[in-house]
Amino acid sequence: MNDLWDTAGYIASSRYRVSVCKYLDREGPELPSRIASKLGFAQPHVSRALSELRDRNVVELLVPESQQKGRLYGLTREGKQALTRLRGDAASVSVSFVEERSFPHDSLIDHLCDEHGEELRLVVARNGDDSDVFVASEDVQKRYDEQSIARLIAALRAGETTIDDKLMDVPTGENQFAVRGLEHSLLVRFSVDDDAEILVALEPDADVNVPAFIDACRRRLKD
């Protein structure tokens, strides 16, 4: 995944980051307090989003660092490019939340629920532009709507590979297995055929071995 899609995925993984970027793109440079007021967010959420986005060179502070009042923020060129790419590709993604028995591979859901229980967040079956999403809990359902999942899929599917070879032998609980897309989650992605794939989101501290995890999932897909 190239740097621009990496940035787009990072924006997509938080509704606060997405909303702040869209606001700055639409309205231009603004103060954190005004952004929070206009978006209806608590200011700490906006301030944190701006700090995170600034660390990734998505937004920039337009006044001297020493200035404590009137701290205006605006999108960088990279931020505008990432947001444009994210918007364009996400618009072509169709997302449907489904129950377990309506999921294209319900035996896979049975396996993941049995083996990973509380570690499981959601499972996505993508076929072309259409994606069916099984959400493991009401808490996760509240955090991710259809648009946020569409942005995630748009960002992820731009990559040519599913899992880097150098990461295949790394237990997913280790920090080296970086996850981009769902904030504070571990995402395992593998292909089913030429234009279909499975995305499984787990808790970040899930203790599974990637090759064994994928092999077990593939066996279930054949059931």
Foldseek 3Di string as FASTA:
>chain_A
DDLLLLLLLQCLQAPLSVQLLVCCVVPNKDDLVVSCVVVVHDSVSNVVSQVVCVVSQQKDFPDDPPDPPPGIIHGDPSNVSSSVQLVVQLVLAAEDEDELVVPPQSLLVVVCCVPPNPFFAKKWKDFARYIYIYGRDPVSVVRDDSSSVSSLCSSQVVDPDQADPVCQAPFQQDPVQDDTRHPQWRWHKDADDDGIIMITTTHSRDGDRRVVVVVVSNVSSVD
